[in-house]
Every structure is written in C-alpha cells, then in structure tokens.
N, C-alpha and C. Protein backbone atom coordinates (compact mmCIF):
# COMPACT_ATOMS: atom_id res chain seq x y z
N UNK A 1 25.26 -5.10 57.17
CA UNK A 1 25.23 -6.11 56.14
C UNK A 1 24.53 -5.62 54.88
N UNK A 2 25.13 -5.80 53.72
CA UNK A 2 24.60 -5.47 52.41
C UNK A 2 24.48 -6.53 51.45
N UNK A 3 23.23 -6.39 50.69
CA UNK A 3 23.12 -7.49 49.65
C UNK A 3 23.32 -6.96 48.43
N UNK A 4 24.10 -7.82 47.73
CA UNK A 4 24.67 -7.53 46.34
C UNK A 4 24.42 -8.71 45.49
N UNK A 5 23.43 -8.55 44.39
CA UNK A 5 23.25 -9.54 43.60
C UNK A 5 22.94 -10.97 44.27
N UNK A 6 22.08 -11.14 45.26
CA UNK A 6 21.77 -12.61 46.04
C UNK A 6 23.04 -12.69 47.10
N UNK A 7 23.99 -11.88 47.27
CA UNK A 7 24.81 -12.24 48.30
C UNK A 7 24.76 -11.34 49.43
N UNK A 8 24.78 -11.74 50.72
CA UNK A 8 25.01 -11.10 51.78
C UNK A 8 26.48 -10.59 52.11
N UNK A 9 26.89 -9.22 52.14
CA UNK A 9 28.37 -8.89 52.29
C UNK A 9 28.35 -8.19 53.55
N UNK A 10 29.47 -8.55 54.39
CA UNK A 10 29.76 -8.00 55.58
C UNK A 10 31.05 -7.47 55.67
N UNK A 11 31.51 -6.32 55.69
CA UNK A 11 32.76 -5.83 55.90
C UNK A 11 33.08 -5.86 57.38
N UNK A 12 34.21 -6.68 57.63
CA UNK A 12 34.55 -7.21 59.03
C UNK A 12 35.51 -6.39 59.66
N UNK A 13 36.34 -5.53 59.03
CA UNK A 13 37.37 -4.73 59.52
C UNK A 13 38.69 -4.93 58.75
N UNK A 14 39.46 -3.74 59.04
CA UNK A 14 40.73 -3.75 58.40
C UNK A 14 41.87 -4.53 58.70
N UNK A 15 42.54 -4.99 57.74
CA UNK A 15 43.69 -5.90 57.87
C UNK A 15 44.92 -5.18 57.06
N UNK A 16 46.10 -5.69 57.20
CA UNK A 16 47.10 -5.01 56.47
C UNK A 16 46.96 -5.17 55.04
N UNK A 17 46.52 -5.99 54.56
CA UNK A 17 46.23 -6.41 53.15
C UNK A 17 45.14 -5.70 52.59
N UNK A 18 44.12 -5.17 53.37
CA UNK A 18 42.79 -4.72 52.91
C UNK A 18 41.70 -4.93 53.81
N UNK A 19 40.60 -4.85 53.24
CA UNK A 19 39.39 -5.17 54.07
C UNK A 19 39.09 -6.64 53.96
N UNK A 20 38.70 -7.39 55.08
CA UNK A 20 38.13 -8.58 55.29
C UNK A 20 36.71 -8.63 54.90
N UNK A 21 36.22 -9.69 53.89
CA UNK A 21 34.71 -9.43 53.57
C UNK A 21 34.23 -10.85 53.81
N UNK A 22 33.10 -11.06 54.25
CA UNK A 22 32.43 -12.44 54.36
C UNK A 22 31.36 -12.38 53.50
N UNK A 23 31.34 -13.24 52.58
CA UNK A 23 30.15 -13.65 51.71
C UNK A 23 29.42 -14.68 51.95
N UNK A 24 28.12 -14.59 51.95
CA UNK A 24 27.21 -15.86 52.06
C UNK A 24 25.90 -15.57 51.19
N UNK A 25 25.33 -16.59 50.89
CA UNK A 25 24.05 -16.48 50.01
C UNK A 25 22.97 -15.72 51.01
N UNK A 26 22.35 -14.85 50.33
CA UNK A 26 21.40 -13.99 51.01
C UNK A 26 20.17 -14.81 51.52
N UNK A 27 19.70 -14.49 52.66
CA UNK A 27 18.57 -15.18 53.29
C UNK A 27 17.32 -14.73 52.63
N UNK A 28 16.47 -15.76 52.38
CA UNK A 28 15.15 -15.35 51.55
C UNK A 28 14.44 -14.49 52.46
N UNK A 29 13.51 -13.49 51.98
CA UNK A 29 12.72 -12.84 52.84
C UNK A 29 11.56 -13.61 53.22
N UNK A 30 11.39 -14.21 54.41
CA UNK A 30 10.59 -15.15 54.60
C UNK A 30 9.39 -14.49 55.20
N UNK A 31 9.64 -13.12 55.75
CA UNK A 31 8.40 -12.53 56.41
C UNK A 31 8.02 -13.03 57.66
N UNK A 32 9.13 -13.82 58.39
CA UNK A 32 8.72 -14.30 59.71
C UNK A 32 9.20 -13.38 60.68
N UNK A 33 8.07 -13.05 61.53
CA UNK A 33 8.49 -12.03 62.55
C UNK A 33 8.11 -12.53 63.81
N UNK A 34 8.64 -12.37 64.97
CA UNK A 34 8.41 -12.84 66.28
C UNK A 34 7.46 -11.91 67.09
N UNK A 35 6.66 -12.34 67.95
CA UNK A 35 6.02 -11.52 68.77
C UNK A 35 7.04 -10.94 69.78
N UNK A 36 6.53 -9.89 70.46
CA UNK A 36 7.55 -9.47 71.57
C UNK A 36 7.90 -10.25 72.47
N UNK A 37 6.91 -11.00 73.20
CA UNK A 37 7.19 -12.35 73.87
C UNK A 37 8.21 -13.14 73.44
N UNK A 38 8.05 -13.66 72.24
CA UNK A 38 9.10 -14.55 71.65
C UNK A 38 10.41 -13.88 71.48
N UNK A 39 10.46 -12.65 71.06
CA UNK A 39 11.90 -12.00 71.11
C UNK A 39 12.31 -11.85 72.40
N UNK A 40 11.59 -11.54 73.27
CA UNK A 40 12.10 -11.57 74.88
C UNK A 40 12.71 -13.10 75.34
N UNK A 41 11.85 -13.93 74.92
CA UNK A 41 12.28 -15.32 75.25
C UNK A 41 13.76 -15.66 74.40
N UNK A 42 13.82 -15.22 72.99
CA UNK A 42 15.16 -15.43 72.39
C UNK A 42 16.09 -14.70 73.01
N UNK A 43 15.99 -13.63 73.28
CA UNK A 43 17.14 -12.62 73.93
C UNK A 43 17.59 -13.38 75.18
N UNK A 44 16.71 -13.58 76.18
CA UNK A 44 16.87 -14.40 77.54
C UNK A 44 17.64 -15.44 77.36
N UNK A 45 17.28 -16.38 76.38
CA UNK A 45 17.98 -17.72 76.06
C UNK A 45 19.38 -17.51 75.65
N UNK A 46 19.61 -16.40 74.94
CA UNK A 46 20.94 -15.95 74.45
C UNK A 46 21.69 -15.37 75.42
N UNK A 47 21.10 -15.09 76.71
CA UNK A 47 21.98 -14.51 77.70
C UNK A 47 21.87 -13.17 77.73
N UNK A 48 21.07 -12.42 77.09
CA UNK A 48 21.18 -11.02 76.95
C UNK A 48 20.33 -10.41 78.08
N UNK A 49 20.50 -9.31 78.52
CA UNK A 49 19.95 -8.49 79.56
C UNK A 49 19.62 -7.04 78.98
N UNK A 50 18.65 -6.48 79.74
CA UNK A 50 18.26 -5.13 79.23
C UNK A 50 19.15 -4.12 79.89
N UNK A 51 19.52 -3.28 79.09
CA UNK A 51 20.44 -2.17 79.53
C UNK A 51 20.28 -0.90 78.55
N UNK A 52 19.83 0.07 79.23
CA UNK A 52 19.89 1.31 78.68
C UNK A 52 18.80 1.17 77.42
N UNK A 53 17.68 0.46 77.90
CA UNK A 53 16.53 0.25 76.89
C UNK A 53 16.87 -0.58 75.66
N UNK A 54 17.90 -1.35 75.74
CA UNK A 54 18.18 -2.38 74.67
C UNK A 54 18.71 -3.82 75.19
N UNK A 55 18.61 -4.68 74.41
CA UNK A 55 19.14 -5.96 74.83
C UNK A 55 20.49 -6.08 74.46
N UNK A 56 21.42 -6.47 75.65
CA UNK A 56 22.72 -6.60 75.27
C UNK A 56 23.15 -7.85 75.93
N UNK A 57 24.14 -8.51 75.25
CA UNK A 57 24.83 -9.82 75.59
C UNK A 57 26.26 -9.56 76.43
N UNK A 58 26.90 -8.65 75.82
CA UNK A 58 28.26 -8.05 76.35
C UNK A 58 27.79 -6.86 77.26
N UNK A 59 27.35 -7.35 78.56
CA UNK A 59 26.86 -6.05 79.50
C UNK A 59 28.09 -5.26 79.92
N UNK A 60 29.24 -5.64 79.66
CA UNK A 60 30.58 -4.82 80.08
C UNK A 60 30.94 -3.84 78.96
N UNK A 61 30.33 -4.04 77.71
CA UNK A 61 30.64 -3.06 76.64
C UNK A 61 30.45 -1.67 77.16
N UNK A 62 31.39 -0.80 76.90
CA UNK A 62 31.10 0.57 77.43
C UNK A 62 30.15 1.38 76.66
N UNK A 63 30.03 1.39 75.33
CA UNK A 63 28.91 2.00 74.49
C UNK A 63 28.35 0.93 73.70
N UNK A 64 27.51 0.09 74.43
CA UNK A 64 26.66 -0.98 73.75
C UNK A 64 25.80 -0.41 72.51
N UNK A 65 25.82 -1.00 71.63
CA UNK A 65 24.81 -0.87 70.40
C UNK A 65 23.61 -1.75 70.29
N UNK A 66 23.61 -2.81 71.34
CA UNK A 66 22.68 -3.74 71.44
C UNK A 66 22.59 -4.93 70.50
N UNK A 67 22.11 -6.07 71.10
CA UNK A 67 21.93 -7.30 70.21
C UNK A 67 20.62 -7.12 69.51
N UNK A 68 20.80 -7.71 68.17
CA UNK A 68 19.78 -7.86 67.22
C UNK A 68 19.22 -9.31 66.90
N UNK A 69 18.14 -9.48 66.71
CA UNK A 69 17.76 -10.88 66.15
C UNK A 69 17.87 -10.59 64.59
N UNK A 70 18.96 -11.14 63.98
CA UNK A 70 19.32 -10.99 62.70
C UNK A 70 18.48 -11.83 61.59
N UNK A 71 18.28 -12.99 62.08
CA UNK A 71 17.55 -14.00 61.09
C UNK A 71 16.66 -14.84 61.89
N UNK A 72 15.45 -15.29 61.17
CA UNK A 72 14.55 -16.19 61.87
C UNK A 72 14.07 -16.98 60.83
N UNK A 73 14.38 -18.31 61.00
CA UNK A 73 13.81 -19.23 59.90
C UNK A 73 14.26 -20.62 60.43
N UNK A 74 13.83 -21.67 59.84
CA UNK A 74 14.18 -22.89 59.88
C UNK A 74 15.48 -23.22 59.43
N UNK A 75 16.83 -23.31 60.06
CA UNK A 75 17.84 -23.59 59.39
C UNK A 75 18.13 -25.11 59.05
N UNK A 76 17.69 -25.88 60.01
CA UNK A 76 18.05 -27.46 59.81
C UNK A 76 16.78 -28.16 59.22
N UNK A 77 15.78 -27.61 58.86
CA UNK A 77 14.65 -28.36 58.08
C UNK A 77 13.95 -29.17 59.04
N UNK A 78 13.85 -28.89 60.48
CA UNK A 78 13.15 -29.88 61.31
C UNK A 78 11.76 -29.20 61.49
N UNK A 79 11.37 -28.12 60.91
CA UNK A 79 9.96 -27.57 61.15
C UNK A 79 9.88 -26.69 62.28
N UNK A 80 10.94 -26.37 62.91
CA UNK A 80 10.80 -25.43 64.00
C UNK A 80 11.75 -24.30 63.64
N UNK A 81 11.45 -22.95 64.21
CA UNK A 81 12.24 -21.85 63.73
C UNK A 81 13.59 -21.78 64.66
N UNK A 82 14.40 -21.19 64.06
CA UNK A 82 15.62 -20.89 64.45
C UNK A 82 15.99 -19.39 64.38
N UNK A 83 16.87 -18.77 65.21
CA UNK A 83 17.10 -17.54 65.21
C UNK A 83 18.56 -17.18 65.58
N UNK A 84 19.29 -16.32 64.78
CA UNK A 84 20.50 -15.88 64.67
C UNK A 84 20.34 -14.55 65.70
N UNK A 85 21.11 -14.29 66.87
CA UNK A 85 21.34 -13.06 67.42
C UNK A 85 22.75 -12.77 67.30
N UNK A 86 22.82 -11.40 66.90
CA UNK A 86 24.14 -10.66 66.59
C UNK A 86 24.26 -9.55 67.46
N UNK A 87 25.55 -9.29 67.76
CA UNK A 87 25.97 -7.96 68.68
C UNK A 87 27.27 -7.62 68.07
N UNK A 88 27.52 -6.36 68.19
CA UNK A 88 28.77 -5.86 67.58
C UNK A 88 29.62 -5.18 68.92
N UNK A 89 30.87 -4.99 68.63
CA UNK A 89 31.85 -4.38 69.75
C UNK A 89 33.05 -4.99 69.86
N UNK A 90 34.21 -4.22 70.20
CA UNK A 90 35.35 -4.80 70.34
C UNK A 90 35.77 -5.20 71.71
N UNK A 91 34.96 -4.71 72.56
CA UNK A 91 35.33 -4.91 74.06
C UNK A 91 35.23 -6.52 74.43
N UNK A 92 34.14 -7.10 73.98
CA UNK A 92 33.93 -8.65 74.12
C UNK A 92 34.36 -9.35 73.04
N UNK A 93 34.25 -8.93 71.74
CA UNK A 93 34.50 -9.56 70.57
C UNK A 93 35.90 -9.52 69.89
N UNK A 94 36.54 -8.50 70.44
CA UNK A 94 38.06 -8.37 69.93
C UNK A 94 38.04 -7.97 68.42
N UNK A 95 39.13 -8.28 67.69
CA UNK A 95 39.34 -8.03 66.21
C UNK A 95 38.21 -8.46 65.52
N UNK A 96 37.37 -9.38 65.98
CA UNK A 96 36.28 -9.92 65.12
C UNK A 96 35.24 -8.86 64.95
N UNK A 97 35.15 -7.90 65.88
CA UNK A 97 34.23 -6.75 66.22
C UNK A 97 32.75 -7.34 66.26
N UNK A 98 32.39 -8.48 66.21
CA UNK A 98 31.03 -8.93 66.40
C UNK A 98 30.99 -10.29 67.03
N UNK A 99 29.75 -10.72 67.29
CA UNK A 99 29.67 -12.04 67.92
C UNK A 99 28.20 -12.48 67.55
N UNK A 100 28.10 -13.68 67.65
CA UNK A 100 26.65 -14.24 67.26
C UNK A 100 26.18 -15.40 68.15
N UNK A 101 25.01 -15.84 68.16
CA UNK A 101 24.47 -16.95 68.84
C UNK A 101 23.33 -17.63 67.93
N UNK A 102 23.47 -18.83 67.87
CA UNK A 102 22.38 -19.42 66.89
C UNK A 102 21.51 -20.22 68.06
N UNK A 103 20.25 -19.92 67.99
CA UNK A 103 19.24 -20.47 68.92
C UNK A 103 18.18 -21.50 68.15
N UNK A 104 17.70 -22.36 68.70
CA UNK A 104 16.65 -23.25 68.11
C UNK A 104 15.50 -23.53 68.88
N UNK A 105 14.30 -23.21 68.30
CA UNK A 105 13.05 -23.44 69.22
C UNK A 105 12.90 -24.98 69.35
N UNK A 106 12.74 -25.27 70.65
CA UNK A 106 12.49 -26.63 71.26
C UNK A 106 11.15 -26.92 70.94
N UNK A 107 10.84 -28.33 71.02
CA UNK A 107 9.62 -28.92 70.93
C UNK A 107 8.48 -28.41 72.10
N UNK A 108 9.15 -28.18 73.28
CA UNK A 108 8.31 -27.41 74.31
C UNK A 108 8.05 -26.03 74.19
N UNK A 109 8.58 -25.52 73.11
CA UNK A 109 8.33 -24.03 72.84
C UNK A 109 9.44 -23.09 73.49
N UNK A 110 10.33 -23.68 74.10
CA UNK A 110 11.62 -22.77 74.85
C UNK A 110 12.65 -22.64 73.62
N UNK A 111 13.55 -21.91 73.92
CA UNK A 111 14.68 -21.47 72.96
C UNK A 111 15.90 -22.11 73.66
N UNK A 112 16.87 -22.54 72.80
CA UNK A 112 18.07 -23.40 73.39
C UNK A 112 19.24 -22.77 72.16
N UNK A 113 20.29 -22.34 72.99
CA UNK A 113 21.40 -21.89 72.28
C UNK A 113 22.20 -23.18 71.74
N UNK A 114 22.27 -23.12 70.20
CA UNK A 114 22.89 -24.30 69.71
C UNK A 114 24.61 -23.92 69.69
N UNK A 115 24.88 -22.74 69.25
CA UNK A 115 26.17 -22.32 69.11
C UNK A 115 26.29 -20.95 69.25
N UNK A 116 27.69 -20.32 69.72
CA UNK A 116 27.98 -19.09 69.69
C UNK A 116 29.33 -18.81 69.51
N UNK A 117 29.78 -17.65 68.88
CA UNK A 117 31.15 -17.30 68.77
C UNK A 117 31.46 -15.95 68.50
N UNK A 118 32.62 -15.77 68.40
CA UNK A 118 32.88 -14.27 67.90
C UNK A 118 33.21 -14.33 66.32
N UNK A 119 32.63 -13.35 65.58
CA UNK A 119 32.85 -13.42 64.17
C UNK A 119 31.27 -13.26 63.68
N UNK A 120 31.44 -13.35 62.31
CA UNK A 120 29.98 -13.04 61.59
C UNK A 120 29.66 -14.60 60.99
N UNK A 121 28.47 -15.15 61.17
CA UNK A 121 27.87 -16.35 60.82
C UNK A 121 27.69 -16.27 59.21
N UNK A 122 28.12 -17.30 58.61
CA UNK A 122 27.74 -17.51 57.20
C UNK A 122 27.35 -18.93 57.03
N UNK A 123 25.83 -19.14 56.83
CA UNK A 123 25.45 -20.44 56.66
C UNK A 123 25.71 -21.14 55.13
N UNK A 124 26.37 -22.16 55.17
CA UNK A 124 26.57 -22.80 53.84
C UNK A 124 25.82 -23.85 53.44
N UNK A 125 25.91 -24.38 52.23
CA UNK A 125 25.12 -25.35 51.73
C UNK A 125 25.39 -26.81 52.29
N UNK A 126 26.62 -26.84 52.59
CA UNK A 126 27.20 -28.20 53.27
C UNK A 126 26.40 -28.36 54.60
N UNK A 127 26.18 -29.56 55.04
CA UNK A 127 25.56 -29.86 56.36
C UNK A 127 26.21 -30.86 57.07
N UNK A 128 25.86 -30.74 58.39
CA UNK A 128 26.32 -31.60 59.50
C UNK A 128 25.22 -32.57 59.63
N UNK A 129 25.27 -33.20 61.15
CA UNK A 129 24.26 -34.20 61.36
C UNK A 129 22.90 -33.30 61.71
N UNK A 130 21.88 -34.04 61.41
CA UNK A 130 20.59 -33.54 61.57
C UNK A 130 20.06 -32.29 60.66
N UNK A 131 20.77 -32.25 59.65
CA UNK A 131 20.54 -31.12 58.71
C UNK A 131 20.92 -29.83 58.90
N UNK A 132 21.79 -29.51 60.13
CA UNK A 132 22.28 -28.14 60.43
C UNK A 132 23.40 -27.82 59.41
N UNK A 133 23.25 -26.66 58.92
CA UNK A 133 24.09 -26.06 58.08
C UNK A 133 25.76 -25.84 58.53
N UNK A 134 26.65 -26.16 57.93
CA UNK A 134 28.05 -25.64 58.35
C UNK A 134 27.91 -24.10 58.37
N UNK A 135 28.69 -23.77 59.36
CA UNK A 135 28.75 -22.18 59.47
C UNK A 135 30.26 -21.72 59.25
N UNK A 136 30.37 -20.73 58.36
CA UNK A 136 31.45 -20.16 58.14
C UNK A 136 31.66 -18.86 58.99
N UNK A 137 32.67 -18.93 59.82
CA UNK A 137 32.83 -17.88 60.97
C UNK A 137 33.75 -16.63 60.28
N UNK A 138 33.13 -15.60 59.78
CA UNK A 138 33.81 -14.62 59.08
C UNK A 138 34.50 -13.56 60.14
N UNK A 139 35.66 -13.17 59.75
CA UNK A 139 36.35 -12.27 60.59
C UNK A 139 37.29 -11.51 59.87
N UNK A 140 38.37 -10.97 60.40
CA UNK A 140 39.65 -10.33 59.76
C UNK A 140 40.42 -11.55 59.08
N UNK A 141 40.87 -11.20 57.85
CA UNK A 141 41.59 -12.26 57.16
C UNK A 141 41.03 -12.75 55.92
N UNK A 142 41.54 -13.76 55.50
CA UNK A 142 41.17 -14.37 54.23
C UNK A 142 41.06 -15.94 54.23
N UNK A 143 40.86 -16.32 55.54
CA UNK A 143 40.77 -17.95 55.68
C UNK A 143 39.92 -18.13 56.77
N UNK A 144 38.73 -18.54 56.65
CA UNK A 144 37.83 -18.56 57.74
C UNK A 144 37.45 -19.96 58.34
N UNK A 145 37.38 -20.14 59.64
CA UNK A 145 36.94 -21.41 60.24
C UNK A 145 35.38 -21.83 59.80
N UNK A 146 35.36 -23.11 59.41
CA UNK A 146 34.10 -23.51 59.20
C UNK A 146 33.68 -24.73 60.27
N UNK A 147 32.57 -24.53 60.95
CA UNK A 147 32.23 -25.23 62.03
C UNK A 147 31.04 -26.35 61.45
N UNK A 148 30.96 -27.39 61.96
CA UNK A 148 30.13 -28.30 61.57
C UNK A 148 29.38 -29.09 62.90
N UNK A 149 28.21 -29.27 62.68
CA UNK A 149 27.30 -29.75 63.78
C UNK A 149 27.49 -31.25 63.76
N UNK A 150 27.86 -31.87 65.14
CA UNK A 150 28.16 -33.15 65.02
C UNK A 150 27.04 -33.91 65.81
N UNK A 151 25.84 -33.28 66.14
CA UNK A 151 24.74 -33.84 66.73
C UNK A 151 24.64 -33.42 68.16
N UNK A 152 25.69 -32.78 68.72
CA UNK A 152 25.82 -32.17 70.26
C UNK A 152 26.47 -30.80 70.19
N UNK A 153 27.43 -30.59 69.24
CA UNK A 153 28.03 -29.33 69.56
C UNK A 153 28.49 -28.93 67.85
N UNK A 154 28.81 -27.67 67.53
CA UNK A 154 29.31 -27.26 66.49
C UNK A 154 30.98 -27.20 66.74
N UNK A 155 31.63 -27.88 65.78
CA UNK A 155 33.17 -28.04 65.98
C UNK A 155 33.70 -27.74 64.75
N UNK A 156 35.00 -27.28 64.83
CA UNK A 156 35.81 -27.10 63.88
C UNK A 156 35.79 -28.12 62.78
N UNK A 157 35.66 -27.72 61.54
CA UNK A 157 35.63 -29.00 60.43
C UNK A 157 36.82 -28.68 59.50
N UNK A 158 36.96 -27.43 59.15
CA UNK A 158 37.83 -27.01 58.09
C UNK A 158 38.04 -25.53 58.11
N UNK A 159 39.01 -25.14 57.19
CA UNK A 159 39.21 -23.73 56.84
C UNK A 159 38.83 -23.40 55.44
N UNK A 160 38.23 -22.34 55.14
CA UNK A 160 37.83 -22.07 53.69
C UNK A 160 37.86 -20.67 53.42
N UNK A 161 38.18 -20.24 52.19
CA UNK A 161 37.92 -18.77 51.59
C UNK A 161 37.34 -19.04 50.22
N UNK A 162 36.12 -18.20 50.07
CA UNK A 162 35.37 -18.51 48.78
C UNK A 162 35.13 -19.72 48.24
N UNK A 163 34.89 -20.53 49.30
CA UNK A 163 34.56 -22.12 49.02
C UNK A 163 35.70 -22.97 48.68
N UNK A 164 36.67 -22.41 48.75
CA UNK A 164 38.01 -23.31 48.67
C UNK A 164 38.79 -23.34 50.02
N UNK A 165 39.34 -24.84 50.36
CA UNK A 165 40.06 -25.03 51.49
C UNK A 165 41.38 -24.07 51.57
N UNK A 166 41.64 -23.66 52.91
CA UNK A 166 42.90 -22.80 52.80
C UNK A 166 43.50 -23.31 54.17
N UNK A 167 44.62 -22.83 54.43
CA UNK A 167 45.38 -22.91 55.78
C UNK A 167 45.59 -21.53 56.21
N UNK A 168 44.93 -21.28 57.46
CA UNK A 168 45.19 -19.92 58.20
C UNK A 168 46.47 -19.66 58.46
N UNK A 169 46.97 -18.37 58.42
CA UNK A 169 48.23 -17.95 58.66
C UNK A 169 48.35 -17.92 60.23
N UNK A 170 49.49 -18.40 60.67
CA UNK A 170 49.80 -18.29 62.30
C UNK A 170 50.54 -17.21 62.69
C-alpha cells in the first residue's frame, strides 16, 4: 500500500488491459497501537493460527507471508476500536491475491468478525446501518463490489469505479 497525496493506492494484479488499482482515502495516523495480548486476541478472533513464527489465516498457503493488522481505529463511531486484518496469497484468495477481515471490539472486551472477503478493503464515506462505512472490495478489474452493513451483515449494495456506478463484466 502506497500513500500518494492523501490517497492509499494498492496495485492488485495484472489484467489484460493493465494494472488494477484500488484507491481509497488514506487512514489518518491515529497512533493507536494494540498490546501484544490485544493483537493475539484480534488474530485469534480472525481465525488465525501461529505457523512458522507468524500469524496466518490461510494455514494451507505453501509460502505464507503472514497476516497483519493493517488498521486499528473506530470505523463506525461507536467509541470502540475496530481492526482490519489482511493477508496475501493466491492459494486461498485466488486472483484477488489478498483477503481481509474487519473485526470490532465488543462491550465485553472480546473481538468479533464483522465481515471478511477476498480482495482489498476500501472504506468509503457512504454508510450503512449503525454508522458502518460502505466497503469497496478492490481486486483485478475496473468495477468493484461495494458492500453495505444492514445491521447484521455486510451485503452487496452496488458496483463502483472511482466513485461512479458501473456494471461488472461477466
């Protein structure tokens, strides 16, 4: 992930017409860090296991690079931290080459997976129920699915490219 003039840019993979790029507003540097115990709790809630000295979600990945906690901040404005865990690899994530999970810290201190998918998450300004931001799921191509929180799950809401509605190629 590279930041260019306030935008996070992820090059997601080659396609016939060129490279697909996912662009989203850069996360503010909030300086939030989790203790080792909290990091362990996040990884375990995401379904990760320790393998070769790193946390991995896709335990079958032949050459795992490990999962990382990419973002820690309050995504929906409820006053509790949320975390985004990402992991790369084609073995489990196919052409998307990456996967993610969004977790939310619960009132009792535990972490719960809110959503997960193959691709790279881009948090949009538009929101679903309870203040959860819409998520553009980046990957190869030029028309990305946007998921919206309905109060129970993130569901497909529309397809967009650079903020404009589009129809994916079939």
